[in-house]
Amino acid sequence: MATQSDTIDPSAATEQLRAALTRAGIVFPSLGLDDGGPYGLINLGRVRSDVAIQLAARLDEPHAAAFPPDTAL
C-alpha cells in the first residue's frame, strides 16, 4: 500500500524545508537526508536552545495553524 511519503522526493522535501526555515530566519545546521533506511526520513539534527525558541515562536504564529494541535504528521 503506497503512502503519501512514497510519492514525495525526500531531497526536494529537505530543500523545501530548508528554504522555509531560511525565510523564517532559522537555520538547522544538521538538516539533511537520513540515508540509514528505506523510509525517506529527513534528519532535523540538533539545534541550540535559542534556535528551538525561535522555531517554537514561529510555529505559534497565526499563519502556522495549518494543522490542528496534536496532528501526527
PDB file of N, CA and C in Angstrom:
ATOM      1  N   MET A   1       0.844  -1.180   0.000  1.00  0.00           N
ATOM      2  CA  MET A   1       0.000   0.000   0.000  1.00  0.00           C
ATOM      3  C   MET A   1       0.893   1.249   0.000  1.00  0.00           C
ATOM      4  N   ALA A   2       0.723   2.103  -0.965  1.00  0.00           N
ATOM      5  CA  ALA A   2       1.527   3.321  -1.076  1.00  0.00           C
ATOM      6  C   ALA A   2       1.014   4.371  -0.096  1.00  0.00           C
ATOM      7  N   THR A   3       1.952   5.088   0.492  1.00  0.00           N
ATOM      8  CA  THR A   3       1.591   6.189   1.375  1.00  0.00           C
ATOM      9  C   THR A   3       2.024   7.488   0.716  1.00  0.00           C
ATOM     10  N   GLN A   4       1.572   8.602   1.273  1.00  0.00           N
ATOM     11  CA  GLN A   4       1.946   9.894   0.713  1.00  0.00           C
ATOM     12  C   GLN A   4       3.451  10.066   0.720  1.00  0.00           C
ATOM     13  N   SER A   5       4.137   9.547   1.754  1.00  0.00           N
ATOM     14  CA  SER A   5       5.587   9.709   1.827  1.00  0.00           C
ATOM     15  C   SER A   5       6.297   8.948   0.714  1.00  0.00           C
ATOM     16  N   ASP A   6       5.633   7.961   0.115  1.00  0.00           N
ATOM     17  CA  ASP A   6       6.225   7.220  -1.001  1.00  0.00           C
ATOM     18  C   ASP A   6       6.267   8.060  -2.272  1.00  0.00           C
ATOM     19  N   THR A   7       5.444   9.083  -2.350  1.00  0.00           N
ATOM     20  CA  THR A   7       5.348   9.868  -3.572  1.00  0.00           C
ATOM     21  C   THR A   7       6.098  11.199  -3.496  1.00  0.00           C
ATOM     22  N   ILE A   8       6.660  11.508  -2.346  1.00  0.00           N
ATOM     23  CA  ILE A   8       7.371  12.775  -2.156  1.00  0.00           C
ATOM     24  C   ILE A   8       8.870  12.512  -2.169  1.00  0.00           C
ATOM     25  N   ASP A   9       9.582  13.257  -2.995  1.00  0.00           N
ATOM     26  CA  ASP A   9      11.027  13.127  -3.080  1.00  0.00           C
ATOM     27  C   ASP A   9      11.657  13.688  -1.805  1.00  0.00           C
ATOM     28  N   PRO A  10      12.368  12.858  -1.027  1.00  0.00           N
ATOM     29  CA  PRO A  10      12.965  13.334   0.219  1.00  0.00           C
ATOM     30  C   PRO A  10      13.945  14.492   0.023  1.00  0.00           C
ATOM     31  N   SER A  11      14.698  14.482  -1.070  1.00  0.00           N
ATOM     32  CA  SER A  11      15.636  15.587  -1.331  1.00  0.00           C
ATOM     33  C   SER A  11      14.886  16.892  -1.558  1.00  0.00           C
ATOM     34  N   ALA A  12      13.834  16.833  -2.339  1.00  0.00           N
ATOM     35  CA  ALA A  12      13.034  18.026  -2.597  1.00  0.00           C
ATOM     36  C   ALA A  12      12.372  18.513  -1.315  1.00  0.00           C
ATOM     37  N   ALA A  13      11.882  17.593  -0.507  1.00  0.00           N
ATOM     38  CA  ALA A  13      11.251  17.968   0.760  1.00  0.00           C
ATOM     39  C   ALA A  13      12.257  18.626   1.692  1.00  0.00           C
ATOM     40  N   THR A  14      13.474  18.104   1.718  1.00  0.00           N
ATOM     41  CA  THR A  14      14.528  18.678   2.552  1.00  0.00           C
ATOM     42  C   THR A  14      14.837  20.101   2.118  1.00  0.00           C
ATOM     43  N   GLU A  15      14.969  20.314   0.822  1.00  0.00           N
ATOM     44  CA  GLU A  15      15.277  21.661   0.320  1.00  0.00           C
ATOM     45  C   GLU A  15      14.125  22.625   0.528  1.00  0.00           C
ATOM     46  N   GLN A  16      12.896  22.134   0.405  1.00  0.00           N
ATOM     47  CA  GLN A  16      11.736  22.991   0.649  1.00  0.00           C
ATOM     48  C   GLN A  16      11.696  23.402   2.120  1.00  0.00           C
ATOM     49  N   LEU A  17      11.978  22.454   3.008  1.00  0.00           N
ATOM     50  CA  LEU A  17      12.012  22.767   4.435  1.00  0.00           C
ATOM     51  C   LEU A  17      13.143  23.745   4.743  1.00  0.00           C
ATOM     52  N   ARG A  18      14.331  23.517   4.170  1.00  0.00           N
ATOM     53  CA  ARG A  18      15.461  24.416   4.392  1.00  0.00           C
ATOM     54  C   ARG A  18      15.114  25.841   3.942  1.00  0.00           C
ATOM     55  N   ALA A  19      14.473  25.963   2.783  1.00  0.00           N
ATOM     56  CA  ALA A  19      14.088  27.278   2.263  1.00  0.00           C
ATOM     57  C   ALA A  19      13.077  27.957   3.180  1.00  0.00           C
ATOM     58  N   ALA A  20      12.097  27.212   3.663  1.00  0.00           N
ATOM     59  CA  ALA A  20      11.083  27.791   4.552  1.00  0.00           C
ATOM     60  C   ALA A  20      11.713  28.236   5.870  1.00  0.00           C
ATOM     61  N   LEU A  21      12.603  27.426   6.398  1.00  0.00           N
ATOM     62  CA  LEU A  21      13.291  27.808   7.631  1.00  0.00           C
ATOM     63  C   LEU A  21      14.138  29.054   7.419  1.00  0.00           C
ATOM     64  N   THR A  22      14.805  29.126   6.279  1.00  0.00           N
ATOM     65  CA  THR A  22      15.634  30.288   5.969  1.00  0.00           C
ATOM     66  C   THR A  22      14.776  31.550   5.885  1.00  0.00           C
ATOM     67  N   ARG A  23      13.615  31.446   5.237  1.00  0.00           N
ATOM     68  CA  ARG A  23      12.711  32.599   5.152  1.00  0.00           C
ATOM     69  C   ARG A  23      12.261  33.054   6.534  1.00  0.00           C
ATOM     70  N   ALA A  24      12.168  32.105   7.464  1.00  0.00           N
ATOM     71  CA  ALA A  24      11.758  32.425   8.836  1.00  0.00           C
ATOM     72  C   ALA A  24      12.941  32.862   9.694  1.00  0.00           C
ATOM     73  N   GLY A  25      14.138  32.883   9.096  1.00  0.00           N
ATOM     74  CA  GLY A  25      15.323  33.295   9.836  1.00  0.00           C
ATOM     75  C   GLY A  25      15.870  32.230  10.756  1.00  0.00           C
ATOM     76  N   ILE A  26      15.580  30.972  10.443  1.00  0.00           N
ATOM     77  CA  ILE A  26      16.004  29.846  11.276  1.00  0.00           C
ATOM     78  C   ILE A  26      16.918  28.942  10.462  1.00  0.00           C
ATOM     79  N   VAL A  27      18.024  28.528  11.083  1.00  0.00           N
ATOM     80  CA  VAL A  27      18.971  27.639  10.416  1.00  0.00           C
ATOM     81  C   VAL A  27      19.117  26.366  11.241  1.00  0.00           C
ATOM     82  N   PHE A  28      18.891  25.235  10.611  1.00  0.00           N
ATOM     83  CA  PHE A  28      19.175  23.926  11.204  1.00  0.00           C
ATOM     84  C   PHE A  28      20.461  23.442  10.550  1.00  0.00           C
ATOM     85  N   PRO A  29      21.611  23.587  11.203  1.00  0.00           N
ATOM     86  CA  PRO A  29      22.881  23.256  10.565  1.00  0.00           C
ATOM     87  C   PRO A  29      22.986  21.799  10.124  1.00  0.00           C
ATOM     88  N   SER A  30      22.316  20.899  10.819  1.00  0.00           N
ATOM     89  CA  SER A  30      22.439  19.470  10.513  1.00  0.00           C
ATOM     90  C   SER A  30      21.313  18.938   9.637  1.00  0.00           C
ATOM     91  N   LEU A  31      20.470  19.821   9.113  1.00  0.00           N
ATOM     92  CA  LEU A  31      19.343  19.386   8.290  1.00  0.00           C
ATOM     93  C   LEU A  31      19.846  18.624   7.077  1.00  0.00           C
ATOM     94  N   GLY A  32      19.317  17.445   6.863  1.00  0.00           N
ATOM     95  CA  GLY A  32      19.724  16.652   5.716  1.00  0.00           C
ATOM     96  C   GLY A  32      18.968  15.344   5.656  1.00  0.00           C
ATOM     97  N   LEU A  33      19.229  14.587   4.616  1.00  0.00           N
ATOM     98  CA  LEU A  33      18.587  13.290   4.446  1.00  0.00           C
ATOM     99  C   LEU A  33      19.164  12.272   5.414  1.00  0.00           C
ATOM    100  N   ASP A  34      18.305  11.416   5.935  1.00  0.00           N
ATOM    101  CA  ASP A  34      18.728  10.292   6.755  1.00  0.00           C
ATOM    102  C   ASP A  34      18.871   9.109   5.813  1.00  0.00           C
ATOM    103  N   ASP A  35      20.093   8.828   5.437  1.00  0.00           N
ATOM    104  CA  ASP A  35      20.348   7.761   4.459  1.00  0.00           C
ATOM    105  C   ASP A  35      20.361   6.372   5.077  1.00  0.00           C
ATOM    106  N   GLY A  36      19.980   6.260   6.341  1.00  0.00           N
ATOM    107  CA  GLY A  36      20.079   4.989   7.036  1.00  0.00           C
ATOM    108  C   GLY A  36      18.922   4.036   6.841  1.00  0.00           C
ATOM    109  N   GLY A  37      17.953   4.352   6.043  1.00  0.00           N
ATOM    110  CA  GLY A  37      16.822   3.449   5.925  1.00  0.00           C
ATOM    111  C   GLY A  37      16.000   3.707   4.687  1.00  0.00           C
ATOM    112  N   PRO A  38      15.004   2.874   4.479  1.00  0.00           N
ATOM    113  CA  PRO A  38      14.192   2.934   3.265  1.00  0.00           C
ATOM    114  C   PRO A  38      13.008   3.893   3.345  1.00  0.00           C
ATOM    115  N   TYR A  39      12.903   4.671   4.404  1.00  0.00           N
ATOM    116  CA  TYR A  39      11.684   5.441   4.631  1.00  0.00           C
ATOM    117  C   TYR A  39      11.734   6.882   4.133  1.00  0.00           C
ATOM    118  N   GLY A  40      12.843   7.340   3.597  1.00  0.00           N
ATOM    119  CA  GLY A  40      12.939   8.710   3.114  1.00  0.00           C
ATOM    120  C   GLY A  40      12.843   9.732   4.229  1.00  0.00           C
ATOM    121  N   LEU A  41      13.450   9.416   5.375  1.00  0.00           N
ATOM    122  CA  LEU A  41      13.372  10.308   6.520  1.00  0.00           C
ATOM    123  C   LEU A  41      14.300  11.499   6.352  1.00  0.00           C
ATOM    124  N   ILE A  42      13.904  12.603   6.970  1.00  0.00           N
ATOM    125  CA  ILE A  42      14.715  13.818   6.968  1.00  0.00           C
ATOM    126  C   ILE A  42      15.228  14.016   8.385  1.00  0.00           C
ATOM    127  N   ASN A  43      16.548  14.142   8.498  1.00  0.00           N
ATOM    128  CA  ASN A  43      17.177  14.350   9.794  1.00  0.00           C
ATOM    129  C   ASN A  43      17.197  15.835  10.094  1.00  0.00           C
ATOM    130  N   LEU A  44      16.460  16.237  11.128  1.00  0.00           N
ATOM    131  CA  LEU A  44      16.432  17.643  11.507  1.00  0.00           C
ATOM    132  C   LEU A  44      17.677  18.021  12.305  1.00  0.00           C
ATOM    133  N   GLY A  45      18.348  17.042  12.849  1.00  0.00           N
ATOM    134  CA  GLY A  45      19.588  17.299  13.561  1.00  0.00           C
ATOM    135  C   GLY A  45      19.371  17.948  14.906  1.00  0.00           C
ATOM    136  N   ARG A  46      20.448  18.488  15.417  1.00  0.00           N
ATOM    137  CA  ARG A  46      20.408  19.149  16.724  1.00  0.00           C
ATOM    138  C   ARG A  46      20.499  20.654  16.519  1.00  0.00           C
ATOM    139  N   VAL A  47      19.838  21.400  17.406  1.00  0.00           N
ATOM    140  CA  VAL A  47      19.890  22.856  17.334  1.00  0.00           C
ATOM    141  C   VAL A  47      20.148  23.417  18.732  1.00  0.00           C
ATOM    142  N   ARG A  48      20.674  24.642  18.761  1.00  0.00           N
ATOM    143  CA  ARG A  48      20.871  25.335  20.034  1.00  0.00           C
ATOM    144  C   ARG A  48      19.510  25.688  20.623  1.00  0.00           C
ATOM    145  N   SER A  49      19.496  25.940  21.902  1.00  0.00           N
ATOM    146  CA  SER A  49      18.235  26.262  22.566  1.00  0.00           C
ATOM    147  C   SER A  49      17.610  27.546  22.028  1.00  0.00           C
ATOM    148  N   ASP A  50      18.420  28.530  21.630  1.00  0.00           N
ATOM    149  CA  ASP A  50      17.838  29.763  21.088  1.00  0.00           C
ATOM    150  C   ASP A  50      17.151  29.508  19.748  1.00  0.00           C
ATOM    151  N   VAL A  51      17.662  28.572  18.974  1.00  0.00           N
ATOM    152  CA  VAL A  51      17.027  28.215  17.702  1.00  0.00           C
ATOM    153  C   VAL A  51      15.714  27.488  17.971  1.00  0.00           C
ATOM    154  N   ALA A  52      15.694  26.625  18.978  1.00  0.00           N
ATOM    155  CA  ALA A  52      14.453  25.932  19.349  1.00  0.00           C
ATOM    156  C   ALA A  52      13.379  26.936  19.766  1.00  0.00           C
ATOM    157  N   ILE A  53      13.783  27.971  20.499  1.00  0.00           N
ATOM    158  CA  ILE A  53      12.835  29.002  20.916  1.00  0.00           C
ATOM    159  C   ILE A  53      12.320  29.771  19.698  1.00  0.00           C
ATOM    160  N   GLN A  54      13.209  30.092  18.747  1.00  0.00           N
ATOM    161  CA  GLN A  54      12.785  30.779  17.521  1.00  0.00           C
ATOM    162  C   GLN A  54      11.771  29.930  16.758  1.00  0.00           C
ATOM    163  N   LEU A  55      12.050  28.641  16.642  1.00  0.00           N
ATOM    164  CA  LEU A  55      11.146  27.743  15.926  1.00  0.00           C
ATOM    165  C   LEU A  55       9.790  27.684  16.632  1.00  0.00           C
ATOM    166  N   ALA A  56       9.798  27.550  17.937  1.00  0.00           N
ATOM    167  CA  ALA A  56       8.547  27.496  18.693  1.00  0.00           C
ATOM    168  C   ALA A  56       7.739  28.777  18.484  1.00  0.00           C
ATOM    169  N   ALA A  57       8.414  29.919  18.488  1.00  0.00           N
ATOM    170  CA  ALA A  57       7.721  31.195  18.280  1.00  0.00           C
ATOM    171  C   ALA A  57       7.099  31.255  16.897  1.00  0.00           C
ATOM    172  N   ARG A  58       7.823  30.791  15.876  1.00  0.00           N
ATOM    173  CA  ARG A  58       7.289  30.806  14.508  1.00  0.00           C
ATOM    174  C   ARG A  58       6.086  29.870  14.392  1.00  0.00           C
ATOM    175  N   LEU A  59       6.159  28.721  15.039  1.00  0.00           N
ATOM    176  CA  LEU A  59       5.041  27.772  14.976  1.00  0.00           C
ATOM    177  C   LEU A  59       3.817  28.284  15.712  1.00  0.00           C
ATOM    178  N   ASP A  60       4.029  29.149  16.690  1.00  0.00           N
ATOM    179  CA  ASP A  60       2.906  29.723  17.435  1.00  0.00           C
ATOM    180  C   ASP A  60       2.236  30.887  16.717  1.00  0.00           C
ATOM    181  N   GLU A  61       2.850  31.378  15.638  1.00  0.00           N
ATOM    182  CA  GLU A  61       2.254  32.476  14.893  1.00  0.00           C
ATOM    183  C   GLU A  61       0.966  32.004  14.212  1.00  0.00           C
ATOM    184  N   PRO A  62      -0.003  32.899  14.032  1.00  0.00           N
ATOM    185  CA  PRO A  62      -1.307  32.509  13.474  1.00  0.00           C
ATOM    186  C   PRO A  62      -1.241  31.767  12.139  1.00  0.00           C
ATOM    187  N   HIS A  63      -0.360  32.172  11.244  1.00  0.00           N
ATOM    188  CA  HIS A  63      -0.307  31.505   9.943  1.00  0.00           C
ATOM    189  C   HIS A  63       0.213  30.078  10.038  1.00  0.00           C
ATOM    190  N   ALA A  64       0.781  29.706  11.158  1.00  0.00           N
ATOM    191  CA  ALA A  64       1.323  28.365  11.321  1.00  0.00           C
ATOM    192  C   ALA A  64       0.251  27.357  11.725  1.00  0.00           C
ATOM    193  N   ALA A  65      -0.982  27.795  11.837  1.00  0.00           N
ATOM    194  CA  ALA A  65      -2.058  26.922  12.305  1.00  0.00           C
ATOM    195  C   ALA A  65      -2.656  26.093  11.176  1.00  0.00           C
ATOM    196  N   ALA A  66      -1.842  25.664  10.239  1.00  0.00           N
ATOM    197  CA  ALA A  66      -2.328  24.862   9.122  1.00  0.00           C
ATOM    198  C   ALA A  66      -2.766  23.474   9.578  1.00  0.00           C
ATOM    199  N   PHE A  67      -2.182  22.998  10.668  1.00  0.00           N
ATOM    200  CA  PHE A  67      -2.532  21.688  11.191  1.00  0.00           C
ATOM    201  C   PHE A  67      -3.134  21.855  12.580  1.00  0.00           C
ATOM    202  N   PRO A  68      -4.203  21.125  12.888  1.00  0.00           N
ATOM    203  CA  PRO A  68      -4.755  21.188  14.238  1.00  0.00           C
ATOM    204  C   PRO A  68      -3.722  20.689  15.252  1.00  0.00           C
ATOM    205  N   PRO A  69      -3.806  21.133  16.512  1.00  0.00           N
ATOM    206  CA  PRO A  69      -2.880  20.643  17.522  1.00  0.00           C
ATOM    207  C   PRO A  69      -2.928  19.120  17.626  1.00  0.00           C
ATOM    208  N   ASP A  70      -1.803  18.536  17.955  1.00  0.00           N
ATOM    209  CA  ASP A  70      -1.677  17.089  18.137  1.00  0.00           C
ATOM    210  C   ASP A  70      -1.941  16.288  16.874  1.00  0.00           C
ATOM    211  N   THR A  71      -1.718  16.878  15.722  1.00  0.00           N
ATOM    212  CA  THR A  71      -1.864  16.155  14.470  1.00  0.00           C
ATOM    213  C   THR A  71      -0.573  15.411  14.193  1.00  0.00           C
ATOM    214  N   ALA A  72      -0.667  14.123  13.990  1.00  0.00           N
ATOM    215  CA  ALA A  72       0.510  13.338  13.623  1.00  0.00           C
ATOM    216  C   ALA A  72       0.815  13.571  12.157  1.00  0.00           C
ATOM    217  N   LEU A  73       2.031  14.008  11.882  1.00  0.00           N
ATOM    218  CA  LEU A  73       2.406  14.284  10.502  1.00  0.00           C
ATOM    219  C   LEU A  73       3.224  13.171   9.927  1.00  0.00           C
TER     220      LEU A  73
END
